[in-house]
Amino acid sequence: MAPSFPTNEHGQSYGSALYVNSPADEPDLIRAAATNGREGYVKKVELDEASGANVANPEEAVAYQKRMDEAAARGETFHVNVYESDGVTVIGEFLIQP
């Protein structure tokens, strides 16, 4: 059974993804710690895009991995915004390293 999450005024669910059984059960806003130490939420769609979780086929996976390898070789990092539970107010950044 999928966990039940509260929703904000925009209809977005928010909470921890720690105990979900499937990515499909994750809330729209996933609890995260920003690089500035503040606690908030990252948007699942932004996190999935940055982490490659939304690749649809082997060709996309290979292209994504190539981009990440090139970024790692250049020492690049990626950030997604960390929001308040309203999904609008940005309070920091979440770091993703290739």
N, C-alpha and C. Protein backbone atom coordinates (compact mmCIF):
# COMPACT_ATOMS: atom_id res chain seq x y z
N MET A 1 0.83 -1.18 0.00
CA MET A 1 0.00 0.00 0.00
C MET A 1 0.88 1.25 0.00
N ALA A 2 0.55 2.21 -0.85
CA ALA A 2 1.32 3.45 -0.96
C ALA A 2 1.08 4.33 0.26
N PRO A 3 2.13 5.01 0.72
CA PRO A 3 1.95 5.90 1.88
C PRO A 3 1.05 7.08 1.52
N SER A 4 0.47 7.65 2.54
CA SER A 4 -0.37 8.84 2.37
C SER A 4 0.44 10.05 2.78
N PHE A 5 0.45 11.07 1.94
CA PHE A 5 1.21 12.29 2.21
C PHE A 5 0.27 13.48 2.30
N PRO A 6 0.63 14.48 3.11
CA PRO A 6 -0.15 15.71 3.10
C PRO A 6 0.02 16.42 1.76
N THR A 7 -0.88 17.32 1.44
CA THR A 7 -0.76 18.10 0.21
C THR A 7 -0.77 19.59 0.55
N ASN A 8 -0.13 20.36 -0.30
CA ASN A 8 -0.09 21.81 -0.10
C ASN A 8 -1.25 22.46 -0.87
N GLU A 9 -1.30 23.77 -0.84
CA GLU A 9 -2.39 24.50 -1.49
C GLU A 9 -2.38 24.38 -3.01
N HIS A 10 -1.29 23.85 -3.57
CA HIS A 10 -1.19 23.65 -5.02
C HIS A 10 -1.50 22.20 -5.41
N GLY A 11 -1.90 21.41 -4.43
CA GLY A 11 -2.24 20.01 -4.69
C GLY A 11 -1.04 19.08 -4.77
N GLN A 12 0.14 19.58 -4.41
CA GLN A 12 1.35 18.76 -4.44
C GLN A 12 1.48 18.01 -3.12
N SER A 13 1.77 16.72 -3.22
CA SER A 13 2.03 15.94 -2.01
C SER A 13 3.48 16.19 -1.58
N TYR A 14 3.73 16.11 -0.27
CA TYR A 14 5.08 16.33 0.22
C TYR A 14 5.37 15.43 1.41
N GLY A 15 6.65 15.03 1.50
CA GLY A 15 7.07 14.17 2.60
C GLY A 15 8.35 13.44 2.26
N SER A 16 8.71 12.50 3.12
CA SER A 16 9.93 11.72 2.95
C SER A 16 9.67 10.56 1.99
N ALA A 17 10.66 10.27 1.17
CA ALA A 17 10.59 9.12 0.28
C ALA A 17 11.29 7.91 0.88
N LEU A 18 11.68 8.02 2.14
CA LEU A 18 12.47 6.98 2.79
C LEU A 18 11.79 5.62 2.81
N TYR A 19 10.50 5.58 3.07
CA TYR A 19 9.83 4.29 3.24
C TYR A 19 8.88 3.94 2.09
N VAL A 20 9.05 4.55 0.94
CA VAL A 20 8.20 4.18 -0.20
C VAL A 20 8.78 2.95 -0.87
N ASN A 21 7.90 2.15 -1.45
CA ASN A 21 8.32 0.91 -2.09
C ASN A 21 8.65 1.07 -3.56
N SER A 22 8.19 2.14 -4.15
CA SER A 22 8.35 2.32 -5.59
C SER A 22 8.48 3.81 -5.89
N PRO A 23 9.26 4.17 -6.90
CA PRO A 23 9.33 5.59 -7.28
C PRO A 23 7.96 6.18 -7.60
N ALA A 24 7.05 5.37 -8.08
CA ALA A 24 5.70 5.85 -8.39
C ALA A 24 4.95 6.28 -7.14
N ASP A 25 5.38 5.79 -5.98
CA ASP A 25 4.72 6.13 -4.71
C ASP A 25 5.34 7.35 -4.03
N GLU A 26 6.40 7.91 -4.60
CA GLU A 26 7.05 9.06 -3.99
C GLU A 26 6.16 10.29 -4.07
N PRO A 27 6.28 11.19 -3.08
CA PRO A 27 5.50 12.43 -3.13
C PRO A 27 6.03 13.37 -4.22
N ASP A 28 5.23 14.36 -4.56
CA ASP A 28 5.65 15.36 -5.56
C ASP A 28 6.84 16.17 -5.07
N LEU A 29 6.87 16.44 -3.77
CA LEU A 29 7.96 17.17 -3.13
C LEU A 29 8.61 16.24 -2.11
N ILE A 30 9.88 15.92 -2.33
CA ILE A 30 10.59 14.94 -1.52
C ILE A 30 11.51 15.66 -0.52
N ARG A 31 11.40 15.29 0.74
CA ARG A 31 12.18 15.91 1.81
C ARG A 31 13.67 15.81 1.50
N ALA A 32 14.38 16.93 1.70
CA ALA A 32 15.82 16.98 1.42
C ALA A 32 16.47 18.08 2.24
N ALA A 33 17.77 17.96 2.43
CA ALA A 33 18.55 18.98 3.11
C ALA A 33 19.29 19.80 2.06
N ALA A 34 19.17 21.10 2.16
CA ALA A 34 19.86 22.01 1.25
C ALA A 34 21.33 22.14 1.65
N THR A 35 22.14 22.60 0.73
CA THR A 35 23.56 22.79 1.01
C THR A 35 23.79 23.83 2.10
N ASN A 36 22.81 24.68 2.36
CA ASN A 36 22.93 25.69 3.42
C ASN A 36 22.45 25.15 4.77
N GLY A 37 22.11 23.85 4.82
CA GLY A 37 21.69 23.22 6.06
C GLY A 37 20.20 23.28 6.34
N ARG A 38 19.46 24.01 5.52
CA ARG A 38 18.02 24.11 5.74
C ARG A 38 17.32 22.86 5.23
N GLU A 39 16.26 22.48 5.92
CA GLU A 39 15.44 21.33 5.52
C GLU A 39 14.27 21.83 4.67
N GLY A 40 13.99 21.12 3.61
CA GLY A 40 12.88 21.48 2.74
C GLY A 40 12.55 20.32 1.83
N TYR A 41 12.16 20.64 0.60
CA TYR A 41 11.70 19.62 -0.34
C TYR A 41 12.22 19.92 -1.74
N VAL A 42 12.61 18.86 -2.44
CA VAL A 42 12.96 18.98 -3.86
C VAL A 42 11.78 18.46 -4.67
N LYS A 43 11.58 19.06 -5.83
CA LYS A 43 10.50 18.59 -6.70
C LYS A 43 10.95 17.28 -7.34
N LYS A 44 10.11 16.27 -7.24
CA LYS A 44 10.42 14.96 -7.81
C LYS A 44 10.77 15.07 -9.28
N VAL A 45 10.03 15.85 -10.05
CA VAL A 45 10.29 15.97 -11.48
C VAL A 45 11.66 16.58 -11.74
N GLU A 46 12.06 17.56 -10.94
CA GLU A 46 13.38 18.18 -11.11
C GLU A 46 14.49 17.22 -10.69
N LEU A 47 14.28 16.50 -9.60
CA LEU A 47 15.26 15.52 -9.14
C LEU A 47 15.41 14.38 -10.15
N ASP A 48 14.30 13.88 -10.66
CA ASP A 48 14.35 12.80 -11.65
C ASP A 48 15.08 13.24 -12.91
N GLU A 49 14.82 14.46 -13.35
CA GLU A 49 15.49 14.96 -14.55
C GLU A 49 16.99 15.08 -14.33
N ALA A 50 17.38 15.64 -13.19
CA ALA A 50 18.81 15.84 -12.90
C ALA A 50 19.54 14.53 -12.66
N SER A 51 18.84 13.54 -12.09
CA SER A 51 19.51 12.28 -11.75
C SER A 51 19.38 11.22 -12.83
N GLY A 52 18.64 11.50 -13.88
CA GLY A 52 18.48 10.54 -14.97
C GLY A 52 17.45 9.47 -14.71
N ALA A 53 16.64 9.64 -13.69
CA ALA A 53 15.63 8.63 -13.35
C ALA A 53 14.51 8.54 -14.37
N ASN A 54 14.40 9.52 -15.24
CA ASN A 54 13.31 9.51 -16.20
C ASN A 54 13.72 9.08 -17.60
N VAL A 55 14.89 8.45 -17.74
CA VAL A 55 15.27 7.95 -19.07
C VAL A 55 14.29 6.84 -19.46
N ALA A 56 13.89 6.84 -20.72
CA ALA A 56 12.81 5.96 -21.16
C ALA A 56 13.27 4.71 -21.90
N ASN A 57 14.53 4.70 -22.34
CA ASN A 57 14.98 3.55 -23.12
C ASN A 57 16.51 3.46 -23.03
N PRO A 58 17.08 2.37 -23.51
CA PRO A 58 18.54 2.20 -23.41
C PRO A 58 19.34 3.30 -24.09
N GLU A 59 18.85 3.81 -25.21
CA GLU A 59 19.57 4.87 -25.92
C GLU A 59 19.65 6.14 -25.07
N GLU A 60 18.53 6.49 -24.43
CA GLU A 60 18.53 7.66 -23.55
C GLU A 60 19.44 7.43 -22.35
N ALA A 61 19.48 6.22 -21.84
CA ALA A 61 20.34 5.90 -20.71
C ALA A 61 21.81 6.06 -21.09
N VAL A 62 22.18 5.59 -22.25
CA VAL A 62 23.56 5.71 -22.71
C VAL A 62 23.92 7.18 -22.91
N ALA A 63 23.03 7.95 -23.52
CA ALA A 63 23.29 9.38 -23.73
C ALA A 63 23.40 10.11 -22.40
N TYR A 64 22.54 9.78 -21.45
CA TYR A 64 22.59 10.41 -20.13
C TYR A 64 23.92 10.07 -19.45
N GLN A 65 24.32 8.81 -19.48
CA GLN A 65 25.56 8.40 -18.84
C GLN A 65 26.76 9.09 -19.48
N LYS A 66 26.73 9.26 -20.78
CA LYS A 66 27.82 9.96 -21.47
C LYS A 66 27.90 11.41 -20.99
N ARG A 67 26.75 12.09 -20.88
CA ARG A 67 26.74 13.47 -20.39
C ARG A 67 27.28 13.55 -18.96
N MET A 68 26.90 12.59 -18.12
CA MET A 68 27.36 12.59 -16.73
C MET A 68 28.86 12.32 -16.64
N ASP A 69 29.35 11.40 -17.46
CA ASP A 69 30.79 11.11 -17.48
C ASP A 69 31.58 12.34 -17.90
N GLU A 70 31.08 13.04 -18.92
CA GLU A 70 31.76 14.25 -19.39
C GLU A 70 31.72 15.34 -18.32
N ALA A 71 30.57 15.48 -17.66
CA ALA A 71 30.44 16.48 -16.60
C ALA A 71 31.38 16.15 -15.44
N ALA A 72 31.47 14.89 -15.08
CA ALA A 72 32.36 14.48 -13.99
C ALA A 72 33.81 14.77 -14.34
N ALA A 73 34.19 14.53 -15.59
CA ALA A 73 35.55 14.79 -16.03
C ALA A 73 35.89 16.27 -15.93
N ARG A 74 34.87 17.13 -16.11
CA ARG A 74 35.08 18.58 -16.00
C ARG A 74 34.92 19.07 -14.57
N GLY A 75 34.55 18.18 -13.65
CA GLY A 75 34.36 18.57 -12.26
C GLY A 75 33.06 19.31 -12.00
N GLU A 76 32.10 19.15 -12.88
CA GLU A 76 30.82 19.84 -12.72
C GLU A 76 29.93 19.17 -11.68
N THR A 77 29.11 19.96 -11.07
CA THR A 77 28.07 19.46 -10.19
C THR A 77 26.74 20.06 -10.64
N PHE A 78 25.65 19.46 -10.21
CA PHE A 78 24.33 19.93 -10.59
C PHE A 78 23.55 20.23 -9.32
N HIS A 79 22.68 21.20 -9.40
CA HIS A 79 21.86 21.58 -8.26
C HIS A 79 20.39 21.62 -8.68
N VAL A 80 19.53 21.25 -7.75
CA VAL A 80 18.10 21.48 -7.91
C VAL A 80 17.66 22.31 -6.72
N ASN A 81 16.63 23.10 -6.92
CA ASN A 81 16.14 23.96 -5.84
C ASN A 81 15.54 23.13 -4.71
N VAL A 82 15.68 23.66 -3.51
CA VAL A 82 15.00 23.12 -2.33
C VAL A 82 13.94 24.15 -1.96
N TYR A 83 12.72 23.67 -1.75
CA TYR A 83 11.57 24.54 -1.53
C TYR A 83 10.97 24.33 -0.14
N GLU A 84 10.21 25.31 0.30
CA GLU A 84 9.32 25.12 1.43
C GLU A 84 8.24 24.13 0.98
N SER A 85 7.39 23.68 1.88
CA SER A 85 6.35 22.72 1.51
C SER A 85 5.33 23.29 0.54
N ASP A 86 5.37 24.61 0.30
CA ASP A 86 4.45 25.19 -0.68
C ASP A 86 4.87 24.90 -2.11
N GLY A 87 6.09 24.40 -2.32
CA GLY A 87 6.58 24.08 -3.66
C GLY A 87 6.91 25.30 -4.50
N VAL A 88 6.92 26.48 -3.88
CA VAL A 88 7.17 27.73 -4.59
C VAL A 88 8.37 28.47 -4.00
N THR A 89 8.41 28.58 -2.69
CA THR A 89 9.43 29.36 -2.00
C THR A 89 10.75 28.60 -1.96
N VAL A 90 11.75 29.11 -2.68
CA VAL A 90 13.07 28.48 -2.72
C VAL A 90 13.85 28.86 -1.46
N ILE A 91 14.39 27.85 -0.78
CA ILE A 91 15.15 28.10 0.45
C ILE A 91 16.59 27.63 0.35
N GLY A 92 16.97 27.01 -0.75
CA GLY A 92 18.35 26.55 -0.90
C GLY A 92 18.49 25.68 -2.14
N GLU A 93 19.59 24.93 -2.17
CA GLU A 93 19.90 24.04 -3.29
C GLU A 93 20.28 22.66 -2.78
N PHE A 94 20.00 21.65 -3.57
CA PHE A 94 20.39 20.28 -3.30
C PHE A 94 21.43 19.90 -4.33
N LEU A 95 22.55 19.40 -3.89
CA LEU A 95 23.68 19.08 -4.76
C LEU A 95 23.57 17.67 -5.31
N ILE A 96 23.80 17.55 -6.62
CA ILE A 96 23.86 16.25 -7.28
C ILE A 96 25.20 16.19 -7.99
N GLN A 97 26.01 15.19 -7.64
CA GLN A 97 27.30 15.03 -8.28
C GLN A 97 27.24 13.88 -9.26
N PRO A 98 27.77 14.09 -10.47
CA PRO A 98 27.76 12.98 -11.44
C PRO A 98 28.68 11.86 -11.01
